[in-house]
Amino acid sequence: MTARPGRPAGPHGTGPASAHPQRTGPAHRASARPERDGPLAGLRVLDLATLFAGPLAATMLGDFGAEVIKVEHPAKPDPSRGHGPSKDGVGLWWKLLGRNKHTITLDLSKRGGRATLLRLAATADVIVENFRPGTLEKWDLGWDELSAANPRLLLARVTAFGQFGPYAHRPGFGTLAEAMSGFAAVTGEPDAPPVLPPFGLADSIAGLATAYAVMTALRARDRTGEGQVIDMAIIEPILTVLGPQPIWYDQLGHVQPRTGNRSANNAPRNTYRTADGSWVAVSTSAQSIAERVMRLVGRPDLIDEPWFATGADRARHADVLDEAVGSWIARHDRTEVLEAFEKAEAAVAPVQDVRDVMTDPQYAALDTVTTLDDPDLGPLRMQNVLFRLSGTPGAIHWAGRPHGADTERVLTELGLTGAEIGALRAEGAL
C-alpha cells in the first residue's frame, strides 16, 4: 500500500511519530489486503453516491482507514467509471475515485435490494447518498427506516440544492453551483464572458466539506449516542470558499468584478511570460514582498510612490507595476527568474501543467503523486491521501476495483446464505 505518514512508512504503512511531518523515502506500493489501519479503522461507510462529491467524501474517509462499501446498481454502475479517458477499457478516473472501496451491486428499488440495504445499514456508521430528494423515501429507505434499523447511523445527503427549498427537486451538477455561487461571474478577463472551471471544482469542494461534516457528526454521536442527517447542498461550500463577497455586498453594496489574473487587493499579481516562452505567477500579498520584487526588477523608485504603501492602492496602479515586472521577466528565462526570485525571497511559482507537476521536486519530496501496483493496469500514479498525520497515517490500499467485485464476500459476511444471494440474483437485485 502507499502510505502518507509523518515519515517513510514501514511495511504496514505506519511509522514513528514526528513533530514535523515529512516524507523523504520512496512510496510503498499497494497490496489488496482487506484489513485496514489508520485513525478511522473500525468505521463502516456505505457509499451509495455517484458523480462526484459524495463518492469523493467516501474516498477521503477510506484513505484514513474507514471500511468503505461502494454500492452500485447492477446494470448502471457509477458513471465515473466511464468519465474521461480510459486505458484498455478501464476508466482512469474511477481508479482514483474508487480507491480503498469494496464494490458491491444492489438494486435498491427491488424488495430484496431494499431489505439487504437495511441489513447493511444496521452494521454501518455512515451512509453517503446523492439521489434527488424523495428518491430514497420512494423506496421506503428514507431516514425513518434507516434510523430505525440503526439509531447510531449518520446519513449524509449530498445534492445540488439541498433537501428543501424551491430548487430542491431540480436536477443539478457542480457546474450549476459554479455558476450560481458567483464563481463564474468573477472568473475570466474583464471584457470576456464568465468562465467555468474545466474540472469538478464545486463537487470537489463539497466532497471535502462532506467529509468534514461526517467527522463533525461522528464527534456529536460520541456525546449523544445518536445518529443524524447531514444535508449538504453543493451550491453552499463553494460560496464559503469565495470569501467575503456577501458581506462586502451587504455592508457596502460592492460587487466584485472580473479582473483576470489581477487582484483588487494587491499588485503586482499576475502571470508573466519569460524569455524562453514559459510562464510564471507572481504574488505580492505582503508589503515586504512587493518591495522586494520592485528592487529585484530594478524599479526601487516605485516603492517611494505614495500609492505603493497599501495593496489596494498598488492594485489601482497595476498597469505600471505589471510593466515593470513583466518587462524584467521577459528578458530572462524561467530558470533565471525562479532563481532570482528565490534569492530575493520574493514569491513566485512556475505555471505548470500536469507534465510539470509529475516531475516537480517539491511534489516529489511530499510524495503528493504516489505510485501503487494495480492488478488491471500495473504501476499506477495518482494523488496521495490529502494530508500527513505523524502518528496515524492514511494510506492507499488499492485503486478502484471492478464493478461488483466484492458482492459475494460482503453479503456472505453480512450473514446471507448462498440461497439468499441466489434469490437476490434471480430477482435482479444484484
Protein backbone atom coordinates (compact mmCIF):
# COMPACT_ATOMS: atom_id res chain seq x y z
CA MET A 1 0.00 0.00 0.00
CA THR A 2 1.00 3.62 -0.37
CA ALA A 3 1.10 5.37 2.99
CA ARG A 4 1.22 9.04 3.88
CA PRO A 5 2.71 9.16 7.37
CA GLY A 6 4.89 11.72 9.04
CA ARG A 7 7.96 9.83 7.85
CA PRO A 8 8.56 6.97 5.39
CA ALA A 9 6.33 4.05 6.31
CA GLY A 10 7.06 0.56 7.39
CA PRO A 11 5.54 -2.44 5.59
CA HIS A 12 2.10 -1.75 7.01
CA GLY A 13 2.04 1.99 6.37
CA THR A 14 2.81 3.17 9.89
CA GLY A 15 5.90 4.89 11.17
CA PRO A 16 7.17 6.60 14.30
CA ALA A 17 5.53 9.91 15.15
CA SER A 18 7.29 13.07 14.06
CA ALA A 19 6.80 16.59 15.34
CA HIS A 20 7.38 17.87 11.82
CA PRO A 21 5.69 15.52 9.34
CA GLN A 22 7.73 14.90 6.23
CA ARG A 23 8.37 12.07 3.82
CA THR A 24 11.79 11.53 2.33
CA GLY A 25 11.74 7.97 1.01
CA PRO A 26 10.04 6.27 -1.94
CA ALA A 27 6.37 5.39 -1.82
CA HIS A 28 5.33 1.94 -0.67
CA ARG A 29 3.21 0.13 -3.19
CA ALA A 30 -0.35 -1.03 -2.70
CA SER A 31 -1.48 -4.51 -1.76
CA ALA A 32 -5.03 -5.82 -1.99
CA ARG A 33 -5.24 -6.96 1.61
CA PRO A 34 -8.70 -6.15 3.01
CA GLU A 35 -7.70 -5.27 6.60
CA ARG A 36 -7.32 -1.60 7.44
CA ASP A 37 -5.34 0.59 9.77
CA GLY A 38 -5.48 4.32 10.25
CA PRO A 39 -7.40 6.62 12.59
CA LEU A 40 -10.80 5.71 11.12
CA ALA A 41 -10.29 1.95 11.33
CA GLY A 42 -13.49 0.29 12.54
CA LEU A 43 -15.73 2.83 10.80
CA ARG A 44 -18.03 1.40 8.11
CA VAL A 45 -19.26 3.68 5.31
CA LEU A 46 -21.82 2.75 2.66
CA ASP A 47 -21.21 4.82 -0.48
CA LEU A 48 -24.44 4.96 -2.46
CA ALA A 49 -23.49 8.16 -4.30
CA THR A 50 -22.31 8.93 -7.83
CA LEU A 51 -20.60 11.79 -9.66
CA PHE A 52 -18.56 13.16 -7.69
CA ALA A 53 -18.95 14.99 -4.37
CA GLY A 54 -20.43 12.13 -2.33
CA PRO A 55 -18.05 9.47 -3.63
CA LEU A 56 -15.07 11.77 -3.04
CA ALA A 57 -16.10 12.24 0.59
CA ALA A 58 -16.24 8.46 0.99
CA THR A 59 -12.83 8.12 -0.66
CA MET A 60 -11.27 10.50 1.84
CA LEU A 61 -12.77 8.56 4.74
CA GLY A 62 -11.43 5.34 3.26
CA ASP A 63 -7.98 6.86 2.87
CA PHE A 64 -7.73 7.10 6.65
CA GLY A 65 -8.92 3.62 7.50
CA ALA A 66 -12.71 3.55 7.17
CA GLU A 67 -14.13 0.44 5.53
CA VAL A 68 -16.00 1.83 2.51
CA ILE A 69 -18.50 -0.35 0.67
CA LYS A 70 -19.42 1.11 -2.69
CA VAL A 71 -23.00 0.14 -3.58
CA GLU A 72 -23.77 0.40 -7.32
CA HIS A 73 -26.77 -0.50 -9.44
CA PRO A 74 -26.27 -3.91 -11.11
CA ALA A 75 -26.85 -2.54 -14.61
CA LYS A 76 -25.95 1.13 -14.14
CA PRO A 77 -22.60 1.49 -12.38
CA ASP A 78 -21.28 4.80 -11.10
CA PRO A 79 -20.85 6.92 -14.27
CA SER A 80 -17.39 7.95 -13.09
CA ARG A 81 -16.25 4.54 -14.33
CA GLY A 82 -16.77 5.86 -17.86
CA HIS A 83 -15.89 9.52 -17.40
CA GLY A 84 -12.82 10.80 -19.18
CA PRO A 85 -10.00 8.77 -20.71
CA SER A 86 -9.64 5.04 -20.20
CA LYS A 87 -6.85 2.54 -20.77
CA ASP A 88 -7.56 -0.99 -22.01
CA GLY A 89 -11.23 -0.31 -21.32
CA VAL A 90 -10.57 0.65 -17.68
CA GLY A 91 -11.75 4.10 -16.60
CA LEU A 92 -8.88 6.00 -15.02
CA TRP A 93 -10.98 8.49 -13.04
CA TRP A 94 -12.65 5.56 -11.32
CA LYS A 95 -9.27 4.15 -10.32
CA LEU A 96 -8.76 7.34 -8.29
CA LEU A 97 -12.31 7.88 -7.02
CA GLY A 98 -12.90 4.21 -6.24
CA ARG A 99 -9.70 3.57 -4.34
CA ASN A 100 -9.91 1.87 -0.94
CA LYS A 101 -13.52 0.83 -1.63
CA HIS A 102 -15.11 -2.61 -1.69
CA THR A 103 -17.59 -2.77 -4.58
CA ILE A 104 -20.96 -4.50 -4.49
CA THR A 105 -24.08 -4.31 -6.62
CA LEU A 106 -27.58 -3.78 -5.26
CA ASP A 107 -30.78 -2.51 -6.87
CA LEU A 108 -32.42 -0.53 -4.09
CA SER A 109 -35.71 -0.33 -5.92
CA LYS A 110 -36.17 -4.11 -5.62
CA ARG A 111 -37.69 -5.62 -2.50
CA GLY A 112 -34.64 -7.78 -1.87
CA GLY A 113 -32.30 -4.87 -2.54
CA ARG A 114 -34.15 -2.73 0.00
CA ALA A 115 -34.05 -5.46 2.63
CA THR A 116 -30.35 -6.07 2.03
CA LEU A 117 -29.50 -2.39 2.32
CA LEU A 118 -31.33 -2.22 5.65
CA ARG A 119 -29.26 -5.18 6.86
CA LEU A 120 -26.11 -3.40 5.74
CA ALA A 121 -27.27 -0.15 7.35
CA ALA A 122 -27.60 -1.95 10.68
CA THR A 123 -23.84 -2.65 10.52
CA ALA A 124 -22.77 0.77 9.22
CA ASP A 125 -21.77 4.08 10.75
CA VAL A 126 -22.33 6.31 7.72
CA ILE A 127 -24.33 6.24 4.51
CA VAL A 128 -23.44 8.72 1.76
CA GLU A 129 -26.08 9.22 -0.93
CA ASN A 130 -26.85 11.77 -3.62
CA PHE A 131 -30.21 10.75 -5.02
CA ARG A 132 -32.65 13.52 -5.81
CA PRO A 133 -34.66 14.37 -2.65
CA GLY A 134 -37.51 11.92 -2.17
CA THR A 135 -35.91 9.03 -4.06
CA LEU A 136 -34.87 7.01 -1.01
CA GLU A 137 -38.26 7.72 0.54
CA LYS A 138 -39.94 6.37 -2.58
CA TRP A 139 -38.10 3.10 -1.98
CA ASP A 140 -39.04 3.10 1.73
CA LEU A 141 -35.39 3.74 2.56
CA GLY A 142 -35.72 7.24 4.00
CA TRP A 143 -34.37 8.44 7.31
CA ASP A 144 -37.23 6.92 9.29
CA GLU A 145 -36.50 3.42 8.01
CA LEU A 146 -32.70 3.74 8.12
CA SER A 147 -32.57 5.18 11.63
CA ALA A 148 -34.99 2.51 12.83
CA ALA A 149 -32.56 -0.10 11.52
CA ASN A 150 -29.63 1.69 13.21
CA PRO A 151 -30.23 4.63 15.58
CA ARG A 152 -26.49 5.46 15.52
CA LEU A 153 -26.36 5.81 11.74
CA LEU A 154 -25.33 9.02 10.00
CA LEU A 155 -26.99 9.74 6.66
CA ALA A 156 -25.04 12.22 4.52
CA ARG A 157 -27.30 13.53 1.76
CA VAL A 158 -25.34 15.33 -0.96
CA THR A 159 -27.43 17.10 -3.59
CA ALA A 160 -27.08 20.13 -5.84
CA PHE A 161 -29.54 22.33 -3.95
CA GLY A 162 -30.21 20.65 -0.61
CA GLN A 163 -33.20 18.76 0.77
CA PHE A 164 -35.69 21.66 0.81
CA GLY A 165 -36.36 24.99 -0.87
CA PRO A 166 -37.73 25.93 -4.29
CA TYR A 167 -34.89 24.26 -6.23
CA ALA A 168 -34.57 21.10 -4.15
CA HIS A 169 -36.17 18.76 -6.68
CA ARG A 170 -34.34 20.11 -9.71
CA PRO A 171 -31.59 18.01 -11.29
CA GLY A 172 -28.23 19.63 -10.80
CA PHE A 173 -24.48 19.25 -11.04
CA GLY A 174 -21.42 21.10 -9.79
CA THR A 175 -21.40 23.26 -12.92
CA LEU A 176 -24.63 24.88 -11.78
CA ALA A 177 -23.08 25.60 -8.38
CA GLU A 178 -20.09 27.23 -10.05
CA ALA A 179 -22.49 29.47 -11.95
CA MET A 180 -24.97 30.21 -9.14
CA SER A 181 -22.41 30.89 -6.42
CA GLY A 182 -20.74 33.79 -8.18
CA PHE A 183 -17.57 31.87 -9.03
CA ALA A 184 -18.02 32.10 -12.79
CA ALA A 185 -19.03 35.76 -12.58
CA VAL A 186 -15.66 36.77 -11.10
CA THR A 187 -13.55 34.40 -13.21
CA GLY A 188 -12.09 35.48 -16.53
CA GLU A 189 -10.96 38.70 -18.16
CA PRO A 190 -12.99 41.90 -17.59
CA ASP A 191 -14.17 42.14 -21.21
CA ALA A 192 -14.72 38.39 -21.71
CA PRO A 193 -17.55 36.00 -20.78
CA PRO A 194 -17.74 34.36 -17.35
CA VAL A 195 -15.52 31.28 -17.13
CA LEU A 196 -16.44 27.86 -15.73
CA PRO A 197 -13.62 25.62 -14.46
CA PRO A 198 -12.67 22.69 -16.72
CA PHE A 199 -12.85 20.26 -13.79
CA GLY A 200 -15.20 19.39 -10.92
CA LEU A 201 -14.42 22.33 -8.65
CA ALA A 202 -17.74 22.68 -6.79
CA ASP A 203 -18.09 18.90 -6.45
CA SER A 204 -14.58 18.60 -5.03
CA ILE A 205 -15.15 21.40 -2.52
CA ALA A 206 -18.44 19.77 -1.49
CA GLY A 207 -16.65 16.41 -1.12
CA LEU A 208 -14.17 17.96 1.28
CA ALA A 209 -16.98 19.65 3.17
CA THR A 210 -18.97 16.42 3.38
CA ALA A 211 -16.03 14.51 4.86
CA TYR A 212 -15.68 17.31 7.44
CA ALA A 213 -19.43 17.17 8.15
CA VAL A 214 -19.27 13.41 8.68
CA MET A 215 -16.42 13.75 11.16
CA THR A 216 -18.29 16.53 12.99
CA ALA A 217 -21.42 14.40 13.21
CA LEU A 218 -19.41 11.40 14.41
CA ARG A 219 -17.99 13.55 17.21
CA ALA A 220 -21.53 14.57 18.16
CA ARG A 221 -22.55 10.91 18.17
CA ASP A 222 -19.78 10.22 20.67
CA ARG A 223 -21.63 12.51 23.06
CA THR A 224 -25.26 11.72 22.29
CA GLY A 225 -25.10 8.13 21.08
CA GLU A 226 -27.48 9.06 18.26
CA GLY A 227 -27.09 9.46 14.53
CA GLN A 228 -28.43 12.30 12.41
CA VAL A 229 -28.93 13.55 8.85
CA ILE A 230 -26.28 15.65 7.10
CA ASP A 231 -27.81 17.90 4.43
CA MET A 232 -25.04 19.01 2.05
CA ALA A 233 -26.00 21.30 -0.83
CA ILE A 234 -23.24 21.57 -3.43
CA ILE A 235 -24.15 25.22 -4.03
CA GLU A 236 -23.10 26.17 -0.47
CA PRO A 237 -19.46 25.19 0.25
CA ILE A 238 -18.18 26.92 -2.88
CA LEU A 239 -19.85 30.12 -1.68
CA THR A 240 -17.82 29.91 1.52
CA VAL A 241 -14.62 29.39 -0.47
CA LEU A 242 -15.35 32.56 -2.46
CA GLY A 243 -14.70 34.61 0.65
CA PRO A 244 -16.24 37.89 1.80
CA GLN A 245 -18.35 38.74 -1.25
CA PRO A 246 -21.73 38.53 0.57
CA ILE A 247 -20.60 40.71 3.46
CA TRP A 248 -18.99 43.20 1.10
CA TYR A 249 -22.26 43.49 -0.79
CA ASP A 250 -24.35 43.59 2.39
CA GLN A 251 -22.35 46.37 4.01
CA LEU A 252 -21.02 48.32 1.03
CA GLY A 253 -23.07 47.31 -1.99
CA HIS A 254 -19.77 46.18 -3.52
CA VAL A 255 -19.93 43.63 -6.37
CA GLN A 256 -16.58 42.04 -7.17
CA PRO A 257 -15.81 42.42 -10.90
CA ARG A 258 -13.86 40.12 -13.18
CA THR A 259 -10.21 41.14 -13.06
CA GLY A 260 -8.48 38.29 -14.91
CA ASN A 261 -5.26 37.36 -13.12
CA ARG A 262 -5.13 40.66 -11.30
CA SER A 263 -6.40 41.29 -7.78
CA ALA A 264 -8.23 44.28 -6.38
CA ASN A 265 -6.31 43.81 -3.13
CA ASN A 266 -2.67 43.82 -4.21
CA ALA A 267 -0.30 44.29 -7.13
CA PRO A 268 1.78 43.17 -8.87
CA ARG A 269 -0.20 39.96 -9.05
CA ASN A 270 -0.31 38.29 -12.45
CA THR A 271 1.19 35.73 -14.77
CA TYR A 272 4.18 36.83 -16.81
CA ARG A 273 5.89 35.30 -19.82
CA THR A 274 9.59 34.51 -19.64
CA ALA A 275 12.19 34.82 -22.40
CA ASP A 276 12.02 31.10 -23.18
CA GLY A 277 8.24 31.16 -23.64
CA SER A 278 7.29 29.79 -20.22
CA TRP A 279 5.02 31.48 -17.69
CA VAL A 280 5.43 32.31 -14.03
CA ALA A 281 2.99 33.64 -11.43
CA VAL A 282 3.91 36.42 -9.01
CA SER A 283 2.03 37.37 -5.85
CA THR A 284 2.69 40.31 -3.51
CA SER A 285 0.04 39.95 -0.84
CA ALA A 286 2.57 41.19 1.75
CA GLN A 287 4.01 44.70 1.53
CA SER A 288 7.52 43.45 2.19
CA ILE A 289 7.28 41.03 -0.76
CA ALA A 290 6.08 43.80 -3.06
CA GLU A 291 9.09 45.90 -2.12
CA ARG A 292 11.48 43.00 -2.70
CA VAL A 293 10.01 42.42 -6.16
CA MET A 294 10.47 46.06 -7.13
CA ARG A 295 14.10 46.02 -6.04
CA LEU A 296 14.66 42.76 -7.91
CA VAL A 297 13.31 44.09 -11.20
CA GLY A 298 15.29 47.32 -10.93
CA ARG A 299 12.46 49.69 -10.03
CA PRO A 300 13.06 50.64 -6.38
CA ASP A 301 11.85 54.13 -7.26
CA LEU A 302 8.27 52.85 -7.31
CA ILE A 303 8.49 51.94 -3.63
CA ASP A 304 8.69 55.63 -2.80
CA GLU A 305 5.44 56.45 -4.60
CA PRO A 306 2.69 57.41 -2.10
CA TRP A 307 0.32 54.87 -3.64
CA PHE A 308 2.76 51.97 -3.11
CA ALA A 309 2.10 51.84 0.64
CA THR A 310 -1.07 49.70 0.50
CA GLY A 311 -2.14 46.70 -1.53
CA ALA A 312 -5.38 48.32 -2.69
CA ASP A 313 -3.55 51.44 -3.91
CA ARG A 314 -0.95 49.31 -5.67
CA ALA A 315 -3.79 47.45 -7.39
CA ARG A 316 -5.05 50.75 -8.79
CA HIS A 317 -1.64 51.19 -10.43
CA ALA A 318 -1.37 47.62 -11.72
CA ASP A 319 -0.54 48.74 -15.27
CA VAL A 320 2.64 50.44 -14.06
CA LEU A 321 3.65 47.54 -11.84
CA ASP A 322 2.86 44.88 -14.43
CA GLU A 323 5.01 46.71 -16.96
CA ALA A 324 7.91 46.89 -14.51
CA VAL A 325 7.72 43.24 -13.52
CA GLY A 326 6.69 41.87 -16.90
CA SER A 327 9.44 43.61 -18.86
CA TRP A 328 12.12 42.30 -16.49
CA ILE A 329 10.78 38.75 -16.55
CA ALA A 330 10.54 38.84 -20.36
CA ARG A 331 14.32 39.33 -20.54
CA HIS A 332 15.13 36.18 -18.54
CA ASP A 333 14.36 32.52 -19.00
CA ARG A 334 12.24 30.68 -16.45
CA THR A 335 15.12 29.13 -14.54
CA GLU A 336 16.79 32.51 -14.13
CA VAL A 337 13.54 34.11 -12.96
CA LEU A 338 12.85 31.43 -10.37
CA GLU A 339 16.40 31.51 -9.04
CA ALA A 340 16.43 35.32 -8.81
CA PHE A 341 13.09 35.45 -7.00
CA GLU A 342 14.19 32.73 -4.57
CA LYS A 343 17.43 34.60 -3.82
CA ALA A 344 15.43 37.81 -3.26
CA GLU A 345 12.93 35.93 -1.03
CA ALA A 346 10.08 37.04 -3.27
CA ALA A 347 7.03 34.88 -4.05
CA VAL A 348 6.97 33.22 -7.46
CA ALA A 349 5.92 29.89 -8.95
CA PRO A 350 6.08 28.39 -12.42
CA VAL A 351 2.78 27.97 -14.25
CA GLN A 352 2.81 24.19 -14.58
CA ASP A 353 0.73 21.70 -16.49
CA VAL A 354 0.35 18.11 -15.36
CA ARG A 355 3.61 17.11 -17.03
CA ASP A 356 5.48 19.55 -14.82
CA VAL A 357 3.53 18.52 -11.73
CA MET A 358 4.60 14.89 -12.21
CA THR A 359 8.30 15.87 -12.06
CA ASP A 360 8.18 18.84 -9.67
CA PRO A 361 10.77 18.32 -6.90
CA GLN A 362 8.54 19.73 -4.13
CA TYR A 363 5.65 17.44 -5.04
CA ALA A 364 8.16 14.59 -5.28
CA ALA A 365 9.52 15.33 -1.80
CA LEU A 366 5.99 15.29 -0.39
CA ASP A 367 5.05 12.17 -2.40
CA THR A 368 1.96 14.10 -3.49
CA VAL A 369 1.63 11.98 -6.63
CA THR A 370 2.39 8.46 -5.48
CA THR A 371 2.73 5.05 -7.15
CA LEU A 372 0.85 1.84 -6.42
CA ASP A 373 0.52 -1.51 -8.15
CA ASP A 374 -2.87 -2.16 -9.74
CA PRO A 375 -3.93 -5.64 -10.91
CA ASP A 376 -5.55 -4.17 -14.04
CA LEU A 377 -3.01 -1.57 -15.12
CA GLY A 378 0.22 -2.32 -13.27
CA PRO A 379 2.15 0.63 -11.76
CA LEU A 380 -0.30 3.49 -11.42
CA ARG A 381 0.35 7.07 -10.32
CA MET A 382 -2.31 9.15 -8.60
CA GLN A 383 -2.72 11.83 -5.94
CA ASN A 384 -1.81 10.62 -2.47
CA VAL A 385 -4.06 10.99 0.56
CA LEU A 386 -4.91 14.56 1.40
CA PHE A 387 -2.62 15.26 4.36
CA ARG A 388 0.07 13.73 6.54
CA LEU A 389 -0.53 12.58 10.13
CA SER A 390 2.61 11.84 12.12
CA GLY A 391 1.13 9.09 14.29
CA THR A 392 -1.91 7.65 12.49
CA PRO A 393 -1.28 7.99 8.77
CA GLY A 394 -3.66 7.42 5.91
CA ALA A 395 -2.88 5.01 3.09
CA ILE A 396 -3.94 3.88 -0.36
CA HIS A 397 -4.58 0.13 -0.14
CA TRP A 398 -5.85 -0.35 -3.69
CA ALA A 399 -7.19 1.57 -6.67
CA GLY A 400 -10.80 1.38 -7.85
CA ARG A 401 -11.99 -2.22 -8.18
CA PRO A 402 -14.21 -3.79 -10.86
CA HIS A 403 -17.98 -3.35 -10.72
CA GLY A 404 -19.44 -5.67 -8.09
CA ALA A 405 -16.13 -7.35 -7.31
CA ASP A 406 -16.88 -7.81 -3.61
CA THR A 407 -20.61 -8.52 -3.70
CA GLU A 408 -20.42 -12.20 -2.80
CA ARG A 409 -17.91 -11.71 0.03
CA VAL A 410 -19.63 -8.67 1.62
CA LEU A 411 -23.07 -10.26 1.61
CA THR A 412 -21.74 -13.58 2.90
CA GLU A 413 -20.01 -11.76 5.76
CA LEU A 414 -23.31 -9.96 6.40
CA GLY A 415 -24.85 -13.37 7.05
CA LEU A 416 -26.69 -14.04 3.81
CA THR A 417 -26.74 -17.67 2.76
CA GLY A 418 -25.92 -18.90 -0.72
CA ALA A 419 -29.62 -19.47 -1.29
CA GLU A 420 -30.46 -15.91 -0.27
CA ILE A 421 -27.80 -14.47 -2.54
CA GLY A 422 -29.10 -16.66 -5.36
CA ALA A 423 -32.62 -15.38 -4.76
CA LEU A 424 -31.40 -11.79 -4.92
CA ARG A 425 -29.70 -12.52 -8.24
CA ALA A 426 -32.86 -14.15 -9.57
CA GLU A 427 -34.86 -11.06 -8.54
CA GLY A 428 -32.38 -8.78 -10.34
CA ALA A 429 -31.43 -7.09 -7.08
CA LEU A 430 -27.72 -7.95 -7.54
